Amino acid sequence: MSLTKRKYLLKPGRSLQTSFGGDTLTNDNLTDEAAEKLLLEHPSLAKHFEVLPEVINKDAAQSPNKTSKVAKAPADMQEEQQSI
């Protein structure tokens, strides 16, 4: 399938690993099915996609039970404390 007809396309230069030591997905080997499965398990990875169906974007943004934990940088923490 050509890159223009796919429902999912990673941002340029991006690659995603399915699990620790698992397969690495790039635009060369990413299928729509693999992207859907990955995003159902890890919706926060949607930020790495350039082309993504609108339904997935909304679901990822609204999914309270599937969030990734990201450590905040010290500058982010300072801004948050000042706003309290």
N, C-alpha and C. Protein backbone atom coordinates (compact mmCIF):
# COMPACT_ATOMS: atom_id res chain seq x y z
N MET A 1 0.86 -1.18 0.00
CA MET A 1 0.00 0.00 0.00
C MET A 1 0.90 1.24 0.00
N SER A 2 0.57 2.21 -0.83
CA SER A 2 1.39 3.42 -0.90
C SER A 2 1.18 4.27 0.35
N LEU A 3 2.15 5.12 0.64
CA LEU A 3 2.07 5.96 1.83
C LEU A 3 0.87 6.90 1.81
N THR A 4 0.43 7.32 0.62
CA THR A 4 -0.67 8.28 0.54
C THR A 4 -2.03 7.64 0.81
N LYS A 5 -2.17 6.33 0.70
CA LYS A 5 -3.46 5.66 0.90
C LYS A 5 -3.60 5.05 2.29
N ARG A 6 -2.60 5.21 3.13
CA ARG A 6 -2.65 4.62 4.46
C ARG A 6 -3.39 5.52 5.43
N LYS A 7 -4.03 4.91 6.42
CA LYS A 7 -4.75 5.67 7.44
C LYS A 7 -3.82 6.17 8.53
N TYR A 8 -2.66 5.54 8.67
CA TYR A 8 -1.70 5.88 9.73
C TYR A 8 -0.33 6.10 9.10
N LEU A 9 0.29 7.20 9.47
CA LEU A 9 1.62 7.51 8.95
C LEU A 9 2.40 8.21 10.06
N LEU A 10 3.57 7.67 10.37
CA LEU A 10 4.41 8.28 11.40
C LEU A 10 5.02 9.58 10.91
N LYS A 11 5.35 10.45 11.84
CA LYS A 11 6.05 11.68 11.49
C LYS A 11 7.41 11.31 10.93
N PRO A 12 7.98 12.16 10.07
CA PRO A 12 9.28 11.84 9.45
C PRO A 12 10.36 11.53 10.49
N GLY A 13 11.08 10.46 10.25
CA GLY A 13 12.19 10.08 11.11
C GLY A 13 11.79 9.35 12.38
N ARG A 14 10.52 9.11 12.59
CA ARG A 14 10.05 8.44 13.80
C ARG A 14 10.04 6.94 13.62
N SER A 15 10.29 6.25 14.73
CA SER A 15 10.12 4.81 14.78
C SER A 15 9.57 4.49 16.17
N LEU A 16 8.76 3.46 16.24
CA LEU A 16 8.16 3.04 17.51
C LEU A 16 8.49 1.59 17.74
N GLN A 17 8.76 1.26 18.99
CA GLN A 17 9.06 -0.12 19.35
C GLN A 17 7.82 -0.71 20.02
N THR A 18 7.39 -1.88 19.57
CA THR A 18 6.15 -2.47 20.08
C THR A 18 6.27 -2.90 21.54
N SER A 19 7.41 -3.31 21.96
CA SER A 19 7.67 -3.67 23.36
C SER A 19 9.18 -3.69 23.55
N PHE A 20 9.62 -3.80 24.78
CA PHE A 20 11.05 -3.83 25.03
C PHE A 20 11.66 -5.02 24.30
N GLY A 21 12.57 -4.73 23.39
CA GLY A 21 13.19 -5.79 22.60
C GLY A 21 12.32 -6.30 21.46
N GLY A 22 11.16 -5.68 21.29
CA GLY A 22 10.21 -6.12 20.25
C GLY A 22 10.50 -5.48 18.90
N ASP A 23 9.57 -5.65 18.00
CA ASP A 23 9.69 -5.11 16.66
C ASP A 23 9.73 -3.59 16.67
N THR A 24 10.49 -3.02 15.77
CA THR A 24 10.52 -1.59 15.57
C THR A 24 9.67 -1.25 14.36
N LEU A 25 8.72 -0.34 14.55
CA LEU A 25 7.83 0.06 13.46
C LEU A 25 8.27 1.39 12.88
N THR A 26 8.36 1.44 11.56
CA THR A 26 8.65 2.66 10.82
C THR A 26 7.60 2.77 9.73
N ASN A 27 7.61 3.85 8.97
CA ASN A 27 6.67 3.97 7.87
C ASN A 27 6.88 2.89 6.81
N ASP A 28 8.06 2.30 6.78
CA ASP A 28 8.35 1.25 5.81
C ASP A 28 7.62 -0.05 6.12
N ASN A 29 7.41 -0.34 7.42
CA ASN A 29 6.79 -1.62 7.77
C ASN A 29 5.51 -1.48 8.59
N LEU A 30 5.05 -0.27 8.83
CA LEU A 30 3.84 -0.03 9.62
C LEU A 30 2.59 -0.32 8.79
N THR A 31 1.73 -1.18 9.28
CA THR A 31 0.45 -1.44 8.63
C THR A 31 -0.64 -0.72 9.43
N ASP A 32 -1.77 -0.48 8.81
CA ASP A 32 -2.89 0.14 9.51
C ASP A 32 -3.31 -0.72 10.70
N GLU A 33 -3.31 -2.02 10.53
CA GLU A 33 -3.70 -2.94 11.60
C GLU A 33 -2.74 -2.85 12.78
N ALA A 34 -1.44 -2.82 12.50
CA ALA A 34 -0.44 -2.72 13.58
C ALA A 34 -0.57 -1.38 14.31
N ALA A 35 -0.81 -0.31 13.57
CA ALA A 35 -0.96 1.01 14.18
C ALA A 35 -2.20 1.04 15.07
N GLU A 36 -3.31 0.48 14.61
CA GLU A 36 -4.54 0.45 15.40
C GLU A 36 -4.34 -0.32 16.70
N LYS A 37 -3.70 -1.47 16.61
CA LYS A 37 -3.45 -2.28 17.81
C LYS A 37 -2.55 -1.52 18.78
N LEU A 38 -1.50 -0.92 18.28
CA LEU A 38 -0.56 -0.18 19.12
C LEU A 38 -1.25 1.00 19.80
N LEU A 39 -2.08 1.73 19.07
CA LEU A 39 -2.75 2.89 19.64
C LEU A 39 -3.86 2.51 20.61
N LEU A 40 -4.48 1.36 20.43
CA LEU A 40 -5.46 0.89 21.41
C LEU A 40 -4.79 0.59 22.74
N GLU A 41 -3.59 0.04 22.68
CA GLU A 41 -2.84 -0.30 23.90
C GLU A 41 -2.13 0.91 24.49
N HIS A 42 -1.71 1.86 23.63
CA HIS A 42 -0.93 3.02 24.07
C HIS A 42 -1.39 4.28 23.34
N PRO A 43 -2.54 4.83 23.69
CA PRO A 43 -3.08 5.99 22.97
C PRO A 43 -2.19 7.23 23.01
N SER A 44 -1.33 7.32 24.00
CA SER A 44 -0.46 8.50 24.08
C SER A 44 0.56 8.54 22.95
N LEU A 45 0.74 7.43 22.23
CA LEU A 45 1.67 7.41 21.10
C LEU A 45 1.12 8.13 19.88
N ALA A 46 -0.13 8.56 19.94
CA ALA A 46 -0.74 9.27 18.81
C ALA A 46 0.06 10.50 18.42
N LYS A 47 0.78 11.09 19.35
CA LYS A 47 1.56 12.30 19.06
C LYS A 47 2.70 12.03 18.07
N HIS A 48 3.04 10.78 17.85
CA HIS A 48 4.12 10.44 16.92
C HIS A 48 3.63 10.23 15.49
N PHE A 49 2.33 10.37 15.27
CA PHE A 49 1.75 10.14 13.96
C PHE A 49 1.46 11.44 13.24
N GLU A 50 1.80 11.48 11.95
CA GLU A 50 1.50 12.63 11.10
C GLU A 50 0.11 12.48 10.49
N VAL A 51 -0.25 11.26 10.10
CA VAL A 51 -1.57 10.96 9.55
C VAL A 51 -2.23 9.98 10.50
N LEU A 52 -3.44 10.35 10.95
CA LEU A 52 -4.14 9.57 11.96
C LEU A 52 -5.64 9.84 11.81
N PRO A 53 -6.47 8.81 11.77
CA PRO A 53 -7.91 9.06 11.66
C PRO A 53 -8.41 9.92 12.82
N GLU A 54 -9.36 10.78 12.55
CA GLU A 54 -9.88 11.71 13.56
C GLU A 54 -10.48 10.96 14.76
N VAL A 55 -11.10 9.83 14.53
CA VAL A 55 -11.71 9.07 15.62
C VAL A 55 -10.65 8.65 16.63
N ILE A 56 -9.50 8.21 16.15
CA ILE A 56 -8.42 7.79 17.05
C ILE A 56 -7.90 9.00 17.82
N ASN A 57 -7.74 10.14 17.16
CA ASN A 57 -7.27 11.34 17.84
C ASN A 57 -8.16 11.69 19.02
N LYS A 58 -9.48 11.67 18.82
CA LYS A 58 -10.42 12.00 19.88
C LYS A 58 -10.36 10.97 20.99
N ASP A 59 -10.32 9.69 20.64
CA ASP A 59 -10.27 8.64 21.65
C ASP A 59 -9.01 8.74 22.48
N ALA A 60 -7.89 9.01 21.85
CA ALA A 60 -6.63 9.11 22.58
C ALA A 60 -6.65 10.29 23.53
N ALA A 61 -7.24 11.39 23.11
CA ALA A 61 -7.29 12.58 23.96
C ALA A 61 -8.25 12.40 25.12
N GLN A 62 -9.28 11.56 24.97
CA GLN A 62 -10.30 11.42 26.00
C GLN A 62 -10.16 10.16 26.84
N SER A 63 -9.16 9.36 26.60
CA SER A 63 -9.03 8.08 27.29
C SER A 63 -8.38 8.27 28.66
N PRO A 64 -9.17 8.26 29.75
CA PRO A 64 -8.59 8.49 31.07
C PRO A 64 -7.85 7.29 31.63
N ASN A 65 -8.16 6.08 31.17
CA ASN A 65 -7.56 4.89 31.74
C ASN A 65 -6.29 4.45 31.02
N LYS A 66 -5.96 5.05 29.92
CA LYS A 66 -4.75 4.68 29.18
C LYS A 66 -3.90 5.92 28.97
N THR A 67 -3.17 6.31 29.99
CA THR A 67 -2.31 7.48 29.86
C THR A 67 -0.87 7.05 30.11
N SER A 68 0.02 7.75 29.49
CA SER A 68 1.42 7.45 29.71
C SER A 68 1.94 8.33 30.83
N LYS A 69 2.89 7.83 31.55
CA LYS A 69 3.50 8.60 32.62
C LYS A 69 4.76 9.25 32.05
N VAL A 70 4.79 10.56 32.11
CA VAL A 70 5.93 11.30 31.60
C VAL A 70 6.48 12.15 32.73
N ALA A 71 7.76 12.03 32.98
CA ALA A 71 8.37 12.85 34.03
C ALA A 71 8.39 14.30 33.58
N LYS A 72 8.07 15.20 34.50
CA LYS A 72 8.08 16.61 34.17
C LYS A 72 9.48 17.17 34.33
N ALA A 73 9.82 18.07 33.44
CA ALA A 73 11.10 18.76 33.54
C ALA A 73 11.01 19.75 34.69
N PRO A 74 12.12 20.10 35.34
CA PRO A 74 12.10 21.04 36.45
C PRO A 74 11.41 22.36 36.11
N ALA A 75 11.58 22.88 34.90
CA ALA A 75 10.94 24.15 34.52
C ALA A 75 9.43 24.00 34.52
N ASP A 76 8.92 22.85 34.05
CA ASP A 76 7.49 22.60 34.06
C ASP A 76 6.95 22.56 35.48
N MET A 77 7.70 21.97 36.38
CA MET A 77 7.27 21.86 37.76
C MET A 77 7.23 23.23 38.42
N GLN A 78 8.19 24.10 38.11
CA GLN A 78 8.21 25.44 38.68
C GLN A 78 7.00 26.24 38.22
N GLU A 79 6.67 26.16 36.94
CA GLU A 79 5.51 26.88 36.41
C GLU A 79 4.23 26.38 37.09
N GLU A 80 4.13 25.08 37.29
CA GLU A 80 2.95 24.51 37.90
C GLU A 80 2.81 24.97 39.35
N GLN A 81 3.92 25.04 40.09
CA GLN A 81 3.88 25.47 41.47
C GLN A 81 3.51 26.95 41.58
N GLN A 82 3.97 27.76 40.64
CA GLN A 82 3.67 29.18 40.67
C GLN A 82 2.20 29.45 40.40
N SER A 83 1.55 28.58 39.62
CA SER A 83 0.16 28.80 39.29
C SER A 83 -0.79 28.34 40.38
N ILE A 84 -0.26 27.66 41.39
CA ILE A 84 -1.10 27.14 42.48
C ILE A 84 -1.39 28.23 43.50
